[in-house]
C-alpha atoms as a PDB file:
ATOM      1  CA  MET A   1     104.147  61.177  89.593  1.00  0.00           C
ATOM      2  CA  ALA A   2     101.192  58.946  90.445  1.00  0.00           C
ATOM      3  CA  ASP A   3     100.894  57.904  86.797  1.00  0.00           C
ATOM      4  CA  TRP A   4     104.537  56.851  86.684  1.00  0.00           C
ATOM      5  CA  LEU A   5     104.177  54.898  89.921  1.00  0.00           C
ATOM      6  CA  ALA A   6     101.090  53.158  88.625  1.00  0.00           C
ATOM      7  CA  LEU A   7     102.904  52.091  85.475  1.00  0.00           C
ATOM      8  CA  ALA A   8     105.927  50.905  87.443  1.00  0.00           C
ATOM      9  CA  ALA A   9     103.727  48.957  89.874  1.00  0.00           C
ATOM     10  CA  ASP A  10     102.638  46.535  87.134  1.00  0.00           C
ATOM     11  CA  THR A  11     104.607  43.366  87.938  1.00  0.00           C
ATOM     12  CA  ALA A  12     102.768  41.076  85.526  1.00  0.00           C
ATOM     13  CA  HIS A  13     105.391  41.691  82.853  1.00  0.00           C
ATOM     14  CA  ASP A  14     108.492  41.502  85.024  1.00  0.00           C
ATOM     15  CA  LEU A  15     111.339  39.519  83.485  1.00  0.00           C
ATOM     16  CA  ARG A  16     112.285  37.135  86.262  1.00  0.00           C
ATOM     17  CA  ASP A  17     114.671  34.671  84.609  1.00  0.00           C
ATOM     18  CA  GLU A  18     116.952  34.357  81.611  1.00  0.00           C
ATOM     19  CA  ALA A  19     114.305  32.659  79.494  1.00  0.00           C
ATOM     20  CA  ALA A  20     111.992  35.647  80.024  1.00  0.00           C
ATOM     21  CA  LEU A  21     114.813  38.018  79.165  1.00  0.00           C
ATOM     22  CA  ARG A  22     115.491  36.176  75.936  1.00  0.00           C
ATOM     23  CA  ARG A  23     111.864  36.439  74.889  1.00  0.00           C
ATOM     24  CA  VAL A  24     112.304  40.214  74.913  1.00  0.00           C
ATOM     25  CA  TYR A  25     115.917  40.334  73.763  1.00  0.00           C
ATOM     26  CA  SER A  26     115.374  37.610  71.214  1.00  0.00           C
ATOM     27  CA  THR A  27     118.143  38.301  68.730  1.00  0.00           C
ATOM     28  CA  GLY A  28     120.935  37.858  71.271  1.00  0.00           C
ATOM     29  CA  PRO A  29     124.325  39.559  70.963  1.00  0.00           C
ATOM     30  CA  GLY A  30     125.836  39.872  67.518  1.00  0.00           C
ATOM     31  CA  PRO A  31     129.302  38.598  66.666  1.00  0.00           C
ATOM     32  CA  THR A  32     130.925  41.993  67.225  1.00  0.00           C
ATOM     33  CA  SER A  33     129.534  42.087  70.771  1.00  0.00           C
ATOM     34  CA  LEU A  34     131.374  38.870  71.575  1.00  0.00           C
ATOM     35  CA  VAL A  35     134.594  38.958  69.586  1.00  0.00           C
ATOM     36  CA  LYS A  36     135.668  42.257  71.167  1.00  0.00           C
ATOM     37  CA  VAL A  37     136.184  40.649  74.598  1.00  0.00           C
ATOM     38  CA  ALA A  38     139.819  39.992  75.550  1.00  0.00           C
ATOM     39  CA  ASP A  39     141.037  38.193  78.657  1.00  0.00           C
ATOM     40  CA  HIS A  40     143.948  40.611  78.996  1.00  0.00           C
ATOM     41  CA  VAL A  41     144.906  44.201  78.191  1.00  0.00           C
ATOM     42  CA  HIS A  42     145.269  43.769  74.448  1.00  0.00           C
ATOM     43  CA  PRO A  43     147.711  46.194  72.763  1.00  0.00           C
ATOM     44  CA  LEU A  44     144.720  47.860  71.075  1.00  0.00           C
ATOM     45  CA  TYR A  45     142.994  48.382  74.439  1.00  0.00           C
ATOM     46  CA  ARG A  46     146.040  49.663  76.281  1.00  0.00           C
ATOM     47  CA  PRO A  47     145.897  53.163  74.688  1.00  0.00           C
ATOM     48  CA  TYR A  48     142.345  53.595  76.002  1.00  0.00           C
ATOM     49  CA  ILE A  49     143.472  53.026  79.590  1.00  0.00           C
ATOM     50  CA  GLU A  50     146.508  55.255  79.146  1.00  0.00           C
ATOM     51  CA  ALA A  51     144.364  58.069  77.694  1.00  0.00           C
ATOM     52  CA  ALA A  52     141.626  57.877  80.336  1.00  0.00           C
ATOM     53  CA  PRO A  53     141.556  60.556  83.056  1.00  0.00           C
ATOM     54  CA  PHE A  54     138.436  59.101  84.669  1.00  0.00           C
ATOM     55  CA  ALA A  55     136.989  55.747  85.664  1.00  0.00           C
ATOM     56  CA  VAL A  56     134.101  54.423  87.716  1.00  0.00           C
ATOM     57  CA  LEU A  57     134.990  51.662  90.186  1.00  0.00           C
ATOM     58  CA  ALA A  58     132.298  49.135  91.135  1.00  0.00           C
ATOM     59  CA  THR A  59     132.496  46.610  93.981  1.00  0.00           C
ATOM     60  CA  ARG A  60     130.196  44.381  96.027  1.00  0.00           C
ATOM     61  CA  GLY A  61     129.992  44.329  99.807  1.00  0.00           C
ATOM     62  CA  PRO A  62     129.571  41.313 102.107  1.00  0.00           C
ATOM     63  CA  ASP A  63     125.858  41.996 102.475  1.00  0.00           C
ATOM     64  CA  GLY A  64     125.383  42.121  98.698  1.00  0.00           C
ATOM     65  CA  ARG A  65     125.309  45.919  98.642  1.00  0.00           C
ATOM     66  CA  LEU A  66     126.871  47.426  95.536  1.00  0.00           C
ATOM     67  CA  ASP A  67     129.052  50.531  95.517  1.00  0.00           C
ATOM     68  CA  THR A  68     130.385  52.691  92.728  1.00  0.00           C
ATOM     69  CA  SER A  69     132.725  55.619  93.052  1.00  0.00           C
ATOM     70  CA  PRO A  70     134.598  57.936  90.683  1.00  0.00           C
ATOM     71  CA  ARG A  71     138.346  57.730  90.225  1.00  0.00           C
ATOM     72  CA  GLY A  72     140.227  60.384  88.309  1.00  0.00           C
ATOM     73  CA  ASP A  73     143.569  62.036  87.714  1.00  0.00           C
ATOM     74  CA  ALA A  74     145.810  62.919  84.795  1.00  0.00           C
ATOM     75  CA  PRO A  75     145.479  60.586  81.774  1.00  0.00           C
ATOM     76  CA  GLY A  76     147.194  57.301  82.491  1.00  0.00           C
ATOM     77  CA  PHE A  77     146.544  57.495  86.236  1.00  0.00           C
ATOM     78  CA  VAL A  78     145.784  53.767  86.048  1.00  0.00           C
ATOM     79  CA  THR A  79     149.097  52.089  85.284  1.00  0.00           C
ATOM     80  CA  VAL A  80     149.246  49.111  82.933  1.00  0.00           C
ATOM     81  CA  ALA A  81     151.935  47.056  84.696  1.00  0.00           C
ATOM     82  CA  ASP A  82     151.563  44.202  82.221  1.00  0.00           C
ATOM     83  CA  GLU A  83     148.834  42.705  80.060  1.00  0.00           C
ATOM     84  CA  ARG A  84     147.056  41.208  83.064  1.00  0.00           C
ATOM     85  CA  THR A  85     147.833  43.710  85.818  1.00  0.00           C
ATOM     86  CA  LEU A  86     146.590  47.244  86.449  1.00  0.00           C
ATOM     87  CA  LEU A  87     147.619  49.550  89.293  1.00  0.00           C
ATOM     88  CA  LEU A  88     145.010  52.004  90.597  1.00  0.00           C
ATOM     89  CA  PRO A  89     146.260  54.452  93.267  1.00  0.00           C
ATOM     90  CA  ASP A  90     143.790  55.518  95.941  1.00  0.00           C
ATOM     91  CA  ARG A  91     144.188  59.282  96.075  1.00  0.00           C
ATOM     92  CA  ARG A  92     143.069  61.554  98.883  1.00  0.00           C
ATOM     93  CA  GLY A  93     139.320  61.346  99.486  1.00  0.00           C
ATOM     94  CA  ASN A  94     136.597  61.400 102.101  1.00  0.00           C
ATOM     95  CA  GLN A  95     137.827  58.355 104.062  1.00  0.00           C
ATOM     96  CA  ARG A  96     134.526  56.482 103.624  1.00  0.00           C
ATOM     97  CA  ILE A  97     136.540  53.721 101.873  1.00  0.00           C
ATOM     98  CA  ASP A  98     133.313  52.007 100.794  1.00  0.00           C
ATOM     99  CA  ASN A  99     134.926  50.204  97.871  1.00  0.00           C
ATOM    100  CA  LEU A 100     138.046  49.263  99.812  1.00  0.00           C
ATOM    101  CA  ARG A 101     135.988  47.762 102.635  1.00  0.00           C
ATOM    102  CA  ASN A 102     134.053  45.801 100.034  1.00  0.00           C
ATOM    103  CA  LEU A 103     137.219  44.484  98.390  1.00  0.00           C
ATOM    104  CA  VAL A 104     138.495  43.162 101.723  1.00  0.00           C
ATOM    105  CA  HIS A 105     135.465  40.846 101.711  1.00  0.00           C
ATOM    106  CA  ASP A 106     135.062  40.256  97.960  1.00  0.00           C
ATOM    107  CA  PRO A 107     137.974  41.005  95.592  1.00  0.00           C
ATOM    108  CA  GLN A 108     135.815  41.147  92.464  1.00  0.00           C
ATOM    109  CA  LEU A 109     135.522  44.542  90.793  1.00  0.00           C
ATOM    110  CA  ALA A 110     134.635  46.310  87.573  1.00  0.00           C
ATOM    111  CA  LEU A 111     135.990  49.495  86.017  1.00  0.00           C
ATOM    112  CA  LEU A 112     134.395  51.735  83.415  1.00  0.00           C
ATOM    113  CA  PHE A 113     136.889  54.073  81.744  1.00  0.00           C
ATOM    114  CA  LEU A 114     135.685  57.308  80.118  1.00  0.00           C
ATOM    115  CA  ILE A 115     137.776  59.493  77.818  1.00  0.00           C
ATOM    116  CA  PRO A 116     136.578  63.028  77.016  1.00  0.00           C
ATOM    117  CA  GLY A 117     135.837  63.306  73.322  1.00  0.00           C
ATOM    118  CA  CYS A 118     135.771  59.534  72.806  1.00  0.00           C
ATOM    119  CA  ALA A 119     132.315  58.021  72.323  1.00  0.00           C
ATOM    120  CA  GLU A 120     133.381  54.511  73.320  1.00  0.00           C
ATOM    121  CA  ALA A 121     133.880  53.502  76.943  1.00  0.00           C
ATOM    122  CA  LEU A 122     136.195  50.716  78.080  1.00  0.00           C
ATOM    123  CA  ARG A 123     135.092  48.058  80.542  1.00  0.00           C
ATOM    124  CA  VAL A 124     137.440  45.985  82.693  1.00  0.00           C
ATOM    125  CA  ASN A 125     136.408  43.133  84.977  1.00  0.00           C
ATOM    126  CA  GLY A 126     138.744  41.482  87.410  1.00  0.00           C
ATOM    127  CA  SER A 127     139.813  41.125  91.019  1.00  0.00           C
ATOM    128  CA  ALA A 128     142.076  43.151  93.267  1.00  0.00           C
ATOM    129  CA  ARG A 129     144.147  43.147  96.388  1.00  0.00           C
ATOM    130  CA  ILE A 130     144.879  46.327  98.352  1.00  0.00           C
ATOM    131  CA  SER A 131     148.571  47.080  98.757  1.00  0.00           C
ATOM    132  CA  ALA A 132     150.068  49.676 101.087  1.00  0.00           C
ATOM    133  CA  ALA A 133     153.650  48.687 100.197  1.00  0.00           C
ATOM    134  CA  PRO A 134     155.723  51.879 100.660  1.00  0.00           C
ATOM    135  CA  PRO A 135     157.859  51.468  97.484  1.00  0.00           C
ATOM    136  CA  LEU A 136     154.760  50.945  95.323  1.00  0.00           C
ATOM    137  CA  CYS A 137     152.902  53.886  96.846  1.00  0.00           C
ATOM    138  CA  ALA A 138     155.993  56.071  96.502  1.00  0.00           C
ATOM    139  CA  ARG A 139     156.338  55.136  92.826  1.00  0.00           C
ATOM    140  CA  LEU A 140     152.800  56.439  92.229  1.00  0.00           C
ATOM    141  CA  ALA A 141     153.245  59.708  94.139  1.00  0.00           C
ATOM    142  CA  VAL A 142     152.070  62.978  92.573  1.00  0.00           C
ATOM    143  CA  ASP A 143     153.476  66.320  93.680  1.00  0.00           C
ATOM    144  CA  GLY A 144     155.275  64.514  96.488  1.00  0.00           C
ATOM    145  CA  HIS A 145     152.089  62.937  97.821  1.00  0.00           C
ATOM    146  CA  ALA A 146     151.911  59.139  97.744  1.00  0.00           C
ATOM    147  CA  PRO A 147     148.534  57.385  97.622  1.00  0.00           C
ATOM    148  CA  ALA A 148     147.364  55.753 100.843  1.00  0.00           C
ATOM    149  CA  SER A 149     147.104  52.425  99.026  1.00  0.00           C
ATOM    150  CA  VAL A 150     147.108  50.904  95.551  1.00  0.00           C
ATOM    151  CA  LEU A 151     144.702  48.431  94.010  1.00  0.00           C
ATOM    152  CA  VAL A 152     146.696  45.689  92.296  1.00  0.00           C
ATOM    153  CA  ILE A 153     144.125  44.493  89.778  1.00  0.00           C
ATOM    154  CA  THR A 154     144.232  41.141  88.024  1.00  0.00           C
ATOM    155  CA  VAL A 155     142.399  41.503  84.721  1.00  0.00           C
ATOM    156  CA  ALA A 156     139.774  38.924  83.743  1.00  0.00           C
ATOM    157  CA  SER A 157     138.193  40.649  80.741  1.00  0.00           C
ATOM    158  CA  VAL A 158     138.485  43.868  78.768  1.00  0.00           C
ATOM    159  CA  PHE A 159     136.184  45.183  76.055  1.00  0.00           C
ATOM    160  CA  PHE A 160     134.864  48.413  74.630  1.00  0.00           C
ATOM    161  CA  GLN A 161     131.290  49.565  75.113  1.00  0.00           C
ATOM    162  CA  CYS A 162     129.680  50.881  71.944  1.00  0.00           C
ATOM    163  CA  ALA A 163     129.048  54.614  71.561  1.00  0.00           C
ATOM    164  CA  ARG A 164     125.247  54.694  71.649  1.00  0.00           C
ATOM    165  CA  ALA A 165     124.874  55.696  75.321  1.00  0.00           C
ATOM    166  CA  ILE A 166     127.452  58.482  75.061  1.00  0.00           C
ATOM    167  CA  LYS A 167     125.885  59.759  71.843  1.00  0.00           C
ATOM    168  CA  ARG A 168     122.347  59.659  73.239  1.00  0.00           C
ATOM    169  CA  SER A 169     123.431  61.513  76.362  1.00  0.00           C
ATOM    170  CA  GLY A 170     125.486  64.140  74.563  1.00  0.00           C
ATOM    171  CA  LEU A 171     127.960  63.707  77.395  1.00  0.00           C
ATOM    172  CA  TRP A 172     130.855  65.456  75.674  1.00  0.00           C
ATOM    173  CA  ASP A 173     128.735  68.153  73.988  1.00  0.00           C
ATOM    174  CA  PRO A 174     129.544  71.534  75.630  1.00  0.00           C
ATOM    175  CA  ALA A 175     126.155  72.838  74.528  1.00  0.00           C
ATOM    176  CA  ARG A 176     124.537  70.408  76.961  1.00  0.00           C
ATOM    177  CA  HIS A 177     126.674  71.325  79.965  1.00  0.00           C
ATOM    178  CA  LEU A 178     124.652  72.702  82.858  1.00  0.00           C
ATOM    179  CA  ALA A 179     125.209  76.263  83.926  1.00  0.00           C
ATOM    180  CA  ALA A 180     126.771  76.764  87.364  1.00  0.00           C
ATOM    181  CA  GLY A 181     124.133  76.988  90.063  1.00  0.00           C
ATOM    182  CA  THR A 182     121.566  74.903  88.200  1.00  0.00           C
ATOM    183  CA  LEU A 183     121.684  72.061  90.717  1.00  0.00           C
ATOM    184  CA  PRO A 184     121.510  72.202  94.528  1.00  0.00           C
ATOM    185  CA  SER A 185     125.013  72.891  95.858  1.00  0.00           C
ATOM    186  CA  PRO A 186     126.925  70.484  98.126  1.00  0.00           C
ATOM    187  CA  GLY A 187     126.515  72.980 100.964  1.00  0.00           C
ATOM    188  CA  ALA A 188     122.756  73.208 100.460  1.00  0.00           C
ATOM    189  CA  ILE A 189     122.468  69.417 100.526  1.00  0.00           C
ATOM    190  CA  LEU A 190     124.607  69.086 103.663  1.00  0.00           C
ATOM    191  CA  GLU A 191     122.706  71.844 105.466  1.00  0.00           C
ATOM    192  CA  CYS A 192     119.361  70.218 104.655  1.00  0.00           C
ATOM    193  CA  LEU A 193     120.277  66.598 105.387  1.00  0.00           C
ATOM    194  CA  GLY A 194     122.348  67.631 108.393  1.00  0.00           C
ATOM    195  CA  GLN A 195     119.311  69.390 109.825  1.00  0.00           C
ATOM    196  CA  ASP A 196     121.074  72.748 109.966  1.00  0.00           C
ATOM    197  CA  THR A 197     124.157  71.408 111.788  1.00  0.00           C
ATOM    198  CA  ILE A 198     126.276  72.514 108.812  1.00  0.00           C
ATOM    199  CA  ASP A 199     126.485  76.079 107.488  1.00  0.00           C
ATOM    200  CA  GLY A 200     125.770  75.472 103.810  1.00  0.00           C
ATOM    201  CA  PRO A 201     126.833  78.858 102.374  1.00  0.00           C
ATOM    202  CA  ALA A 202     130.081  78.780 104.370  1.00  0.00           C
ATOM    203  CA  TYR A 203     130.783  75.235 103.179  1.00  0.00           C
ATOM    204  CA  ASP A 204     130.236  76.235  99.542  1.00  0.00           C
ATOM    205  CA  ALA A 205     132.323  79.386  99.902  1.00  0.00           C
ATOM    206  CA  ALA A 206     135.354  77.405 101.076  1.00  0.00           C
ATOM    207  CA  LEU A 207     134.838  74.318  98.916  1.00  0.00           C
ATOM    208  CA  GLN A 208     136.794  75.151  95.752  1.00  0.00           C
ATOM    209  CA  ALA A 209     139.882  76.400  97.578  1.00  0.00           C
ATOM    210  CA  ARG A 210     139.778  73.445  99.986  1.00  0.00           C
ATOM    211  CA  GLN A 211     139.547  70.917  97.172  1.00  0.00           C
ATOM    212  CA  ALA A 212     142.334  72.588  95.217  1.00  0.00           C
ATOM    213  CA  ALA A 213     144.580  72.427  98.273  1.00  0.00           C
ATOM    214  CA  THR A 214     143.787  68.795  99.095  1.00  0.00           C
ATOM    215  CA  LEU A 215     143.731  67.012  95.723  1.00  0.00           C
ATOM    216  CA  TYR A 216     146.638  64.798  96.778  1.00  0.00           C
END
């Protein structure tokens, strides 16, 4: 650990401006890295969004703090209303509403869509307003449960991310999936960080059934 910290403590080679970055990344982006960017949901990008069961939402708070959170449901859970508008329902969660609080102050956001079995990811940048309009929420209900709100997203750019990161990680390779119990459980984490105010084993024992009953 000390060796890693010593290496990381060397600030003499920090890249502090764009000119310094370009000295390291001297070739710049190739033509395919630029031509793939669309300012709308192109018909060739739409199937990616409609096939995605999972996305990561990124926002920025008023103090500059960044937040990311997972969003997921059946494929197509993000609705393509038109080529410049996406609808993202806010399903039942932990009520922290970190990203929603951020969007109240700064509407800019980014989405990263992941599709199991597909090595490319899809990136969307844009801005959003938070709607709690009853007809809209009702239209996006699942199993009779409407979302608390819906992000009405205005698209600024859409492009695919090349497959290198997914391939390097082996993300979709079942042989690399961790066995159950390999990582500390949610209950163990809560019991430790909560200084024994939470019964970790009891939390874990009830977790799967509770989540199954409260998905929506």
